[in-house]
Amino acid sequence: VAALQDEKNSLMSENEIINDRLEQLDDSLDDPNTVVAKKYFHAQLQLEQLQEENFRLEAAKDDYRVHCEDLEKQLIELQHRNNELTSLAEESR
């Protein structure tokens, strides 16, 4: 029982130390002058910029997909027209 109580006390003190370190890290993120906070905010800004860039690229991709589909339809129509004209030319000969 004594050994278990010692282990429990040890784990509780270790838990307190870890919680204190966690609070310090949380406080350092709130203070904009710390290196960690600056890196965090810089990373957050980069993330937002990349998300905006990704959104812009997705929209451009969708636009190109629609344009490509239109061009494919035109190609099919032109191929049919070419076949018609080719057959008419052969008949004329």
PDB file of N, CA and C in Angstrom:
ATOM      1  N   VAL A   1       0.838  -1.195   0.000  1.00  0.00           N
ATOM      2  CA  VAL A   1       0.000   0.000   0.000  1.00  0.00           C
ATOM      3  C   VAL A   1       0.873   1.245   0.000  1.00  0.00           C
ATOM      4  N   ALA A   2       1.940   1.212   0.819  1.00  0.00           N
ATOM      5  CA  ALA A   2       2.835   2.369   0.912  1.00  0.00           C
ATOM      6  C   ALA A   2       3.495   2.640  -0.438  1.00  0.00           C
ATOM      7  N   ALA A   3       3.884   1.585  -1.140  1.00  0.00           N
ATOM      8  CA  ALA A   3       4.523   1.749  -2.449  1.00  0.00           C
ATOM      9  C   ALA A   3       3.546   2.367  -3.446  1.00  0.00           C
ATOM     10  N   LEU A   4       2.296   1.919  -3.388  1.00  0.00           N
ATOM     11  CA  LEU A   4       1.286   2.479  -4.290  1.00  0.00           C
ATOM     12  C   LEU A   4       1.000   3.941  -3.968  1.00  0.00           C
ATOM     13  N   GLN A   5       0.998   4.277  -2.688  1.00  0.00           N
ATOM     14  CA  GLN A   5       0.771   5.671  -2.303  1.00  0.00           C
ATOM     15  C   GLN A   5       1.925   6.546  -2.761  1.00  0.00           C
ATOM     16  N   ASP A   6       3.159   6.026  -2.645  1.00  0.00           N
ATOM     17  CA  ASP A   6       4.325   6.777  -3.132  1.00  0.00           C
ATOM     18  C   ASP A   6       4.249   6.991  -4.636  1.00  0.00           C
ATOM     19  N   GLU A   7       3.861   5.925  -5.340  1.00  0.00           N
ATOM     20  CA  GLU A   7       3.723   6.051  -6.790  1.00  0.00           C
ATOM     21  C   GLU A   7       2.625   7.040  -7.149  1.00  0.00           C
ATOM     22  N   LYS A   8       1.509   6.984  -6.415  1.00  0.00           N
ATOM     23  CA  LYS A   8       0.411   7.927  -6.655  1.00  0.00           C
ATOM     24  C   LYS A   8       0.877   9.351  -6.418  1.00  0.00           C
ATOM     25  N   ASN A   9       1.591   9.593  -5.310  1.00  0.00           N
ATOM     26  CA  ASN A   9       2.098  10.941  -5.009  1.00  0.00           C
ATOM     27  C   ASN A   9       3.072  11.406  -6.086  1.00  0.00           C
ATOM     28  N   SER A  10       3.906  10.490  -6.550  1.00  0.00           N
ATOM     29  CA  SER A  10       4.866  10.828  -7.599  1.00  0.00           C
ATOM     30  C   SER A  10       4.139  11.213  -8.887  1.00  0.00           C
ATOM     31  N   LEU A  11       3.138  10.423  -9.247  1.00  0.00           N
ATOM     32  CA  LEU A  11       2.372  10.721 -10.458  1.00  0.00           C
ATOM     33  C   LEU A  11       1.592  12.025 -10.328  1.00  0.00           C
ATOM     34  N   MET A  12       1.068  12.293  -9.155  1.00  0.00           N
ATOM     35  CA  MET A  12       0.331  13.547  -8.948  1.00  0.00           C
ATOM     36  C   MET A  12       1.260  14.749  -9.064  1.00  0.00           C
ATOM     37  N   SER A  13       2.480  14.643  -8.502  1.00  0.00           N
ATOM     38  CA  SER A  13       3.417  15.773  -8.613  1.00  0.00           C
ATOM     39  C   SER A  13       3.867  15.943 -10.057  1.00  0.00           C
ATOM     40  N   GLU A  14       4.090  14.832 -10.770  1.00  0.00           N
ATOM     41  CA  GLU A  14       4.460  14.914 -12.180  1.00  0.00           C
ATOM     42  C   GLU A  14       3.330  15.539 -12.988  1.00  0.00           C
ATOM     43  N   ASN A  15       2.093  15.189 -12.679  1.00  0.00           N
ATOM     44  CA  ASN A  15       0.927  15.764 -13.341  1.00  0.00           C
ATOM     45  C   ASN A  15       0.853  17.266 -13.099  1.00  0.00           C
ATOM     46  N   GLU A  16       1.133  17.708 -11.883  1.00  0.00           N
ATOM     47  CA  GLU A  16       1.133  19.150 -11.573  1.00  0.00           C
ATOM     48  C   GLU A  16       2.208  19.879 -12.371  1.00  0.00           C
ATOM     49  N   ILE A  17       3.394  19.260 -12.463  1.00  0.00           N
ATOM     50  CA  ILE A  17       4.490  19.880 -13.217  1.00  0.00           C
ATOM     51  C   ILE A  17       4.092  20.020 -14.686  1.00  0.00           C
ATOM     52  N   ILE A  18       3.485  18.963 -15.243  1.00  0.00           N
ATOM     53  CA  ILE A  18       3.077  19.016 -16.657  1.00  0.00           C
ATOM     54  C   ILE A  18       1.978  20.051 -16.865  1.00  0.00           C
ATOM     55  N   ASN A  19       1.036  20.135 -15.944  1.00  0.00           N
ATOM     56  CA  ASN A  19      -0.023  21.151 -16.052  1.00  0.00           C
ATOM     57  C   ASN A  19       0.547  22.561 -15.958  1.00  0.00           C
ATOM     58  N   ASP A  20       1.547  22.771 -15.079  1.00  0.00           N
ATOM     59  CA  ASP A  20       2.199  24.082 -14.986  1.00  0.00           C
ATOM     60  C   ASP A  20       2.878  24.442 -16.299  1.00  0.00           C
ATOM     61  N   ARG A  21       3.576  23.473 -16.907  1.00  0.00           N
ATOM     62  CA  ARG A  21       4.246  23.729 -18.185  1.00  0.00           C
ATOM     63  C   ARG A  21       3.232  24.040 -19.282  1.00  0.00           C
ATOM     64  N   LEU A  22       2.101  23.341 -19.241  1.00  0.00           N
ATOM     65  CA  LEU A  22       1.041  23.595 -20.214  1.00  0.00           C
ATOM     66  C   LEU A  22       0.489  25.006 -20.055  1.00  0.00           C
ATOM     67  N   GLU A  23       0.279  25.434 -18.836  1.00  0.00           N
ATOM     68  CA  GLU A  23      -0.196  26.802 -18.595  1.00  0.00           C
ATOM     69  C   GLU A  23       0.814  27.822 -19.079  1.00  0.00           C
ATOM     70  N   GLN A  24       2.103  27.551 -18.845  1.00  0.00           N
ATOM     71  CA  GLN A  24       3.142  28.474 -19.310  1.00  0.00           C
ATOM     72  C   GLN A  24       3.134  28.574 -20.833  1.00  0.00           C
ATOM     73  N   LEU A  25       2.961  27.436 -21.506  1.00  0.00           N
ATOM     74  CA  LEU A  25       2.900  27.467 -22.970  1.00  0.00           C
ATOM     75  C   LEU A  25       1.672  28.227 -23.453  1.00  0.00           C
ATOM     76  N   ASP A  26       0.546  28.016 -22.783  1.00  0.00           N
ATOM     77  CA  ASP A  26      -0.662  28.763 -23.141  1.00  0.00           C
ATOM     78  C   ASP A  26      -0.452  30.254 -22.942  1.00  0.00           C
ATOM     79  N   ASP A  27       0.196  30.621 -21.844  1.00  0.00           N
ATOM     80  CA  ASP A  27       0.466  32.032 -21.576  1.00  0.00           C
ATOM     81  C   ASP A  27       1.423  32.608 -22.614  1.00  0.00           C
ATOM     82  N   SER A  28       2.414  31.809 -23.034  1.00  0.00           N
ATOM     83  CA  SER A  28       3.381  32.310 -24.013  1.00  0.00           C
ATOM     84  C   SER A  28       2.721  32.535 -25.369  1.00  0.00           C
ATOM     85  N   LEU A  29       1.674  31.758 -25.685  1.00  0.00           N
ATOM     86  CA  LEU A  29       0.963  31.987 -26.946  1.00  0.00           C
ATOM     87  C   LEU A  29       0.116  33.256 -26.874  1.00  0.00           C
ATOM     88  N   ASP A  30      -0.351  33.590 -25.690  1.00  0.00           N
ATOM     89  CA  ASP A  30      -1.158  34.798 -25.534  1.00  0.00           C
ATOM     90  C   ASP A  30      -0.311  36.064 -25.592  1.00  0.00           C
ATOM     91  N   ASP A  31       0.966  35.962 -25.223  1.00  0.00           N
ATOM     92  CA  ASP A  31       1.863  37.123 -25.251  1.00  0.00           C
ATOM     93  C   ASP A  31       2.469  37.229 -26.648  1.00  0.00           C
ATOM     94  N   PRO A  32       2.099  38.256 -27.412  1.00  0.00           N
ATOM     95  CA  PRO A  32       2.556  38.344 -28.802  1.00  0.00           C
ATOM     96  C   PRO A  32       4.051  38.627 -28.952  1.00  0.00           C
ATOM     97  N   ASN A  33       4.760  38.877 -27.864  1.00  0.00           N
ATOM     98  CA  ASN A  33       6.177  39.209 -27.961  1.00  0.00           C
ATOM     99  C   ASN A  33       7.080  37.986 -27.858  1.00  0.00           C
ATOM    100  N   THR A  34       6.554  36.835 -27.504  1.00  0.00           N
ATOM    101  CA  THR A  34       7.398  35.657 -27.368  1.00  0.00           C
ATOM    102  C   THR A  34       7.672  35.043 -28.733  1.00  0.00           C
ATOM    103  N   VAL A  35       8.776  34.329 -28.828  1.00  0.00           N
ATOM    104  CA  VAL A  35       9.173  33.696 -30.078  1.00  0.00           C
ATOM    105  C   VAL A  35       8.146  32.642 -30.482  1.00  0.00           C
ATOM    106  N   VAL A  36       7.667  31.881 -29.512  1.00  0.00           N
ATOM    107  CA  VAL A  36       6.685  30.838 -29.802  1.00  0.00           C
ATOM    108  C   VAL A  36       5.412  31.453 -30.361  1.00  0.00           C
ATOM    109  N   ALA A  37       4.960  32.538 -29.753  1.00  0.00           N
ATOM    110  CA  ALA A  37       3.732  33.193 -30.223  1.00  0.00           C
ATOM    111  C   ALA A  37       3.920  33.755 -31.628  1.00  0.00           C
ATOM    112  N   LYS A  38       5.096  34.342 -31.868  1.00  0.00           N
ATOM    113  CA  LYS A  38       5.354  34.886 -33.201  1.00  0.00           C
ATOM    114  C   LYS A  38       5.335  33.780 -34.258  1.00  0.00           C
ATOM    115  N   LYS A  39       5.979  32.644 -33.919  1.00  0.00           N
ATOM    116  CA  LYS A  39       5.985  31.525 -34.865  1.00  0.00           C
ATOM    117  C   LYS A  39       4.578  30.978 -35.059  1.00  0.00           C
ATOM    118  N   TYR A  40       3.815  30.904 -33.989  1.00  0.00           N
ATOM    119  CA  TYR A  40       2.447  30.393 -34.064  1.00  0.00           C
ATOM    120  C   TYR A  40       1.592  31.295 -34.949  1.00  0.00           C
ATOM    121  N   PHE A  41       1.658  32.606 -34.719  1.00  0.00           N
ATOM    122  CA  PHE A  41       0.858  33.530 -35.515  1.00  0.00           C
ATOM    123  C   PHE A  41       1.315  33.550 -36.970  1.00  0.00           C
ATOM    124  N   HIS A  42       2.628  33.424 -37.170  1.00  0.00           N
ATOM    125  CA  HIS A  42       3.147  33.370 -38.543  1.00  0.00           C
ATOM    126  C   HIS A  42       2.632  32.107 -39.246  1.00  0.00           C
ATOM    127  N   ALA A  43       2.659  30.987 -38.551  1.00  0.00           N
ATOM    128  CA  ALA A  43       2.155  29.741 -39.135  1.00  0.00           C
ATOM    129  C   ALA A  43       0.659  29.845 -39.409  1.00  0.00           C
ATOM    130  N   GLN A  44      -0.059  30.489 -38.502  1.00  0.00           N
ATOM    131  CA  GLN A  44      -1.494  30.667 -38.689  1.00  0.00           C
ATOM    132  C   GLN A  44      -1.772  31.539 -39.918  1.00  0.00           C
ATOM    133  N   LEU A  45      -0.991  32.591 -40.086  1.00  0.00           N
ATOM    134  CA  LEU A  45      -1.135  33.468 -41.249  1.00  0.00           C
ATOM    135  C   LEU A  45      -0.830  32.709 -42.540  1.00  0.00           C
ATOM    136  N   GLN A  46       0.233  31.909 -42.508  1.00  0.00           N
ATOM    137  CA  GLN A  46       0.576  31.112 -43.684  1.00  0.00           C
ATOM    138  C   GLN A  46      -0.544  30.140 -44.023  1.00  0.00           C
ATOM    139  N   LEU A  47      -1.116  29.536 -43.010  1.00  0.00           N
ATOM    140  CA  LEU A  47      -2.212  28.593 -43.228  1.00  0.00           C
ATOM    141  C   LEU A  47      -3.389  29.289 -43.898  1.00  0.00           C
ATOM    142  N   GLU A  48      -3.749  30.465 -43.415  1.00  0.00           N
ATOM    143  CA  GLU A  48      -4.858  31.214 -44.010  1.00  0.00           C
ATOM    144  C   GLU A  48      -4.557  31.576 -45.461  1.00  0.00           C
ATOM    145  N   GLN A  49      -3.317  31.989 -45.726  1.00  0.00           N
ATOM    146  CA  GLN A  49      -2.939  32.343 -47.094  1.00  0.00           C
ATOM    147  C   GLN A  49      -2.995  31.127 -48.015  1.00  0.00           C
ATOM    148  N   LEU A  50      -2.538  29.992 -47.511  1.00  0.00           N
ATOM    149  CA  LEU A  50      -2.571  28.779 -48.320  1.00  0.00           C
ATOM    150  C   LEU A  50      -4.003  28.307 -48.557  1.00  0.00           C
ATOM    151  N   GLN A  51      -4.854  28.484 -47.569  1.00  0.00           N
ATOM    152  CA  GLN A  51      -6.257  28.119 -47.760  1.00  0.00           C
ATOM    153  C   GLN A  51      -6.907  29.001 -48.824  1.00  0.00           C
ATOM    154  N   GLU A  52      -6.598  30.298 -48.808  1.00  0.00           N
ATOM    155  CA  GLU A  52      -7.122  31.205 -49.826  1.00  0.00           C
ATOM    156  C   GLU A  52      -6.595  30.834 -51.207  1.00  0.00           C
ATOM    157  N   GLU A  53      -5.302  30.519 -51.284  1.00  0.00           N
ATOM    158  CA  GLU A  53      -4.694  30.119 -52.551  1.00  0.00           C
ATOM    159  C   GLU A  53      -5.332  28.823 -53.053  1.00  0.00           C
ATOM    160  N   ASN A  54      -5.558  27.892 -52.156  1.00  0.00           N
ATOM    161  CA  ASN A  54      -6.189  26.627 -52.524  1.00  0.00           C
ATOM    162  C   ASN A  54      -7.601  26.869 -53.053  1.00  0.00           C
ATOM    163  N   PHE A  55      -8.348  27.739 -52.398  1.00  0.00           N
ATOM    164  CA  PHE A  55      -9.700  28.063 -52.856  1.00  0.00           C
ATOM    165  C   PHE A  55      -9.667  28.682 -54.247  1.00  0.00           C
ATOM    166  N   ARG A  56      -8.726  29.596 -54.457  1.00  0.00           N
ATOM    167  CA  ARG A  56      -8.587  30.252 -55.762  1.00  0.00           C
ATOM    168  C   ARG A  56      -8.233  29.231 -56.842  1.00  0.00           C
ATOM    169  N   LEU A  57      -7.317  28.321 -56.529  1.00  0.00           N
ATOM    170  CA  LEU A  57      -6.915  27.310 -57.503  1.00  0.00           C
ATOM    171  C   LEU A  57      -8.043  26.319 -57.794  1.00  0.00           C
ATOM    172  N   GLU A  58      -8.813  25.981 -56.783  1.00  0.00           N
ATOM    173  CA  GLU A  58      -9.960  25.086 -56.994  1.00  0.00           C
ATOM    174  C   GLU A  58     -10.985  25.752 -57.924  1.00  0.00           C
ATOM    175  N   ALA A  59     -11.221  27.041 -57.713  1.00  0.00           N
ATOM    176  CA  ALA A  59     -12.161  27.763 -58.571  1.00  0.00           C
ATOM    177  C   ALA A  59     -11.638  27.814 -60.005  1.00  0.00           C
ATOM    178  N   ALA A  60     -10.346  28.070 -60.177  1.00  0.00           N
ATOM    179  CA  ALA A  60      -9.751  28.104 -61.518  1.00  0.00           C
ATOM    180  C   ALA A  60      -9.840  26.730 -62.167  1.00  0.00           C
ATOM    181  N   LYS A  61      -9.615  25.686 -61.387  1.00  0.00           N
ATOM    182  CA  LYS A  61      -9.705  24.322 -61.922  1.00  0.00           C
ATOM    183  C   LYS A  61     -11.121  24.039 -62.427  1.00  0.00           C
ATOM    184  N   ASP A  62     -12.102  24.458 -61.648  1.00  0.00           N
ATOM    185  CA  ASP A  62     -13.489  24.260 -62.079  1.00  0.00           C
ATOM    186  C   ASP A  62     -13.784  25.027 -63.369  1.00  0.00           C
ATOM    187  N   ASP A  63     -13.278  26.264 -63.448  1.00  0.00           N
ATOM    188  CA  ASP A  63     -13.473  27.057 -64.672  1.00  0.00           C
ATOM    189  C   ASP A  63     -12.834  26.369 -65.875  1.00  0.00           C
ATOM    190  N   TYR A  64     -11.615  25.853 -65.695  1.00  0.00           N
ATOM    191  CA  TYR A  64     -10.932  25.175 -66.798  1.00  0.00           C
ATOM    192  C   TYR A  64     -11.657  23.887 -67.186  1.00  0.00           C
ATOM    193  N   ARG A  65     -12.217  23.193 -66.202  1.00  0.00           N
ATOM    194  CA  ARG A  65     -12.950  21.967 -66.505  1.00  0.00           C
ATOM    195  C   ARG A  65     -14.160  22.289 -67.394  1.00  0.00           C
ATOM    196  N   VAL A  66     -14.898  23.339 -67.053  1.00  0.00           N
ATOM    197  CA  VAL A  66     -16.061  23.736 -67.853  1.00  0.00           C
ATOM    198  C   VAL A  66     -15.616  24.146 -69.252  1.00  0.00           C
ATOM    199  N   HIS A  67     -14.537  24.917 -69.321  1.00  0.00           N
ATOM    200  CA  HIS A  67     -14.018  25.354 -70.625  1.00  0.00           C
ATOM    201  C   HIS A  67     -13.590  24.140 -71.457  1.00  0.00           C
ATOM    202  N   CYS A  68     -12.951  23.171 -70.834  1.00  0.00           N
ATOM    203  CA  CYS A  68     -12.507  21.969 -71.536  1.00  0.00           C
ATOM    204  C   CYS A  68     -13.701  21.178 -72.058  1.00  0.00           C
ATOM    205  N   GLU A  69     -14.748  21.075 -71.242  1.00  0.00           N
ATOM    206  CA  GLU A  69     -15.956  20.372 -71.691  1.00  0.00           C
ATOM    207  C   GLU A  69     -16.576  21.069 -72.897  1.00  0.00           C
ATOM    208  N   ASP A  70     -16.595  22.396 -72.872  1.00  0.00           N
ATOM    209  CA  ASP A  70     -17.112  23.150 -74.016  1.00  0.00           C
ATOM    210  C   ASP A  70     -16.279  22.890 -75.272  1.00  0.00           C
ATOM    211  N   LEU A  71     -14.965  22.890 -75.108  1.00  0.00           N
ATOM    212  CA  LEU A  71     -14.087  22.641 -76.252  1.00  0.00           C
ATOM    213  C   LEU A  71     -14.268  21.227 -76.791  1.00  0.00           C
ATOM    214  N   GLU A  72     -14.482  20.270 -75.897  1.00  0.00           N
ATOM    215  CA  GLU A  72     -14.713  18.893 -76.350  1.00  0.00           C
ATOM    216  C   GLU A  72     -16.013  18.791 -77.155  1.00  0.00           C
ATOM    217  N   LYS A  73     -17.050  19.502 -76.714  1.00  0.00           N
ATOM    218  CA  LYS A  73     -18.315  19.512 -77.460  1.00  0.00           C
ATOM    219  C   LYS A  73     -18.112  20.126 -78.837  1.00  0.00           C
ATOM    220  N   GLN A  74     -17.371  21.241 -78.887  1.00  0.00           N
ATOM    221  CA  GLN A  74     -17.099  21.886 -80.166  1.00  0.00           C
ATOM    222  C   GLN A  74     -16.316  20.955 -81.088  1.00  0.00           C
ATOM    223  N   LEU A  75     -15.358  20.235 -80.519  1.00  0.00           N
ATOM    224  CA  LEU A  75     -14.557  19.307 -81.312  1.00  0.00           C
ATOM    225  C   LEU A  75     -15.424  18.221 -81.919  1.00  0.00           C
ATOM    226  N   ILE A  76     -16.324  17.665 -81.115  1.00  0.00           N
ATOM    227  CA  ILE A  76     -17.216  16.625 -81.629  1.00  0.00           C
ATOM    228  C   ILE A  76     -18.098  17.175 -82.748  1.00  0.00           C
ATOM    229  N   GLU A  77     -18.643  18.369 -82.555  1.00  0.00           N
ATOM    230  CA  GLU A  77     -19.477  18.992 -83.582  1.00  0.00           C
ATOM    231  C   GLU A  77     -18.687  19.239 -84.866  1.00  0.00           C
ATOM    232  N   LEU A  78     -17.454  19.723 -84.700  1.00  0.00           N
ATOM    233  CA  LEU A  78     -16.623  19.993 -85.875  1.00  0.00           C
ATOM    234  C   LEU A  78     -16.233  18.697 -86.583  1.00  0.00           C
ATOM    235  N   GLN A  79     -16.013  17.638 -85.839  1.00  0.00           N
ATOM    236  CA  GLN A  79     -15.698  16.354 -86.470  1.00  0.00           C
ATOM    237  C   GLN A  79     -16.886  15.839 -87.277  1.00  0.00           C
ATOM    238  N   HIS A  80     -18.088  15.971 -86.704  1.00  0.00           N
ATOM    239  CA  HIS A  80     -19.285  15.569 -87.444  1.00  0.00           C
ATOM    240  C   HIS A  80     -19.446  16.413 -88.710  1.00  0.00           C
ATOM    241  N   ARG A  81     -19.258  17.686 -88.577  1.00  0.00           N
ATOM    242  CA  ARG A  81     -19.382  18.597 -89.739  1.00  0.00           C
ATOM    243  C   ARG A  81     -18.344  18.249 -90.802  1.00  0.00           C
ATOM    244  N   ASN A  82     -17.136  17.933 -90.349  1.00  0.00           N
ATOM    245  CA  ASN A  82     -16.065  17.555 -91.271  1.00  0.00           C
ATOM    246  C   ASN A  82     -16.431  16.268 -91.998  1.00  0.00           C
ATOM    247  N   ASN A  83     -16.983  15.309 -91.274  1.00  0.00           N
ATOM    248  CA  ASN A  83     -17.407  14.050 -91.913  1.00  0.00           C
ATOM    249  C   ASN A  83     -18.498  14.308 -92.950  1.00  0.00           C
ATOM    250  N   GLU A  84     -19.441  15.178 -92.588  1.00  0.00           N
ATOM    251  CA  GLU A  84     -20.521  15.514 -93.533  1.00  0.00           C
ATOM    252  C   GLU A  84     -19.957  16.157 -94.793  1.00  0.00           C
ATOM    253  N   LEU A  85     -19.062  17.127 -94.591  1.00  0.00           N
ATOM    254  CA  LEU A  85     -18.479  17.824 -95.739  1.00  0.00           C
ATOM    255  C   LEU A  85     -17.612  16.888 -96.573  1.00  0.00           C
ATOM    256  N   THR A  86     -16.927  15.971 -95.900  1.00  0.00           N
ATOM    257  CA  THR A  86     -16.094  15.016 -96.639  1.00  0.00           C
ATOM    258  C   THR A  86     -16.964  14.107 -97.509  1.00  0.00           C
ATOM    259  N   SER A  87     -18.070  13.643 -96.918  1.00  0.00           N
ATOM    260  CA  SER A  87     -18.960  12.777 -97.708  1.00  0.00           C
ATOM    261  C   SER A  87     -19.592  13.561 -98.861  1.00  0.00           C
ATOM    262  N   LEU A  88     -19.978  14.822 -98.639  1.00  0.00           N
ATOM    263  CA  LEU A  88     -20.528  15.643 -99.719  1.00  0.00           C
ATOM    264  C   LEU A  88     -19.488  15.879-100.806  1.00  0.00           C
ATOM    265  N   ALA A  89     -18.238  16.062-100.417  1.00  0.00           N
ATOM    266  CA  ALA A  89     -17.170  16.278-101.399  1.00  0.00           C
ATOM    267  C   ALA A  89     -16.962  15.024-102.233  1.00  0.00           C
ATOM    268  N   GLU A  90     -17.044  13.866-101.621  1.00  0.00           N
ATOM    269  CA  GLU A  90     -16.880  12.623-102.361  1.00  0.00           C
ATOM    270  C   GLU A  90     -18.043  12.407-103.335  1.00  0.00           C
ATOM    271  N   GLU A  91     -19.248  12.768-102.881  1.00  0.00           N
ATOM    272  CA  GLU A  91     -20.402  12.663-103.778  1.00  0.00           C
ATOM    273  C   GLU A  91     -20.251  13.590-104.977  1.00  0.00           C
ATOM    274  N   SER A  92     -19.732  14.757-104.737  1.00  0.00           N
ATOM    275  CA  SER A  92     -19.560  15.730-105.822  1.00  0.00           C
ATOM    276  C   SER A  92     -18.549  15.221-106.837  1.00  0.00           C
ATOM    277  N   ARG A  93     -17.535  14.542-106.356  1.00  0.00           N
ATOM    278  CA  ARG A  93     -16.517  14.029-107.300  1.00  0.00           C
ATOM    279  C   ARG A  93     -17.134  12.988-108.191  1.00  0.00           C
TER     280      ARG A  93
END
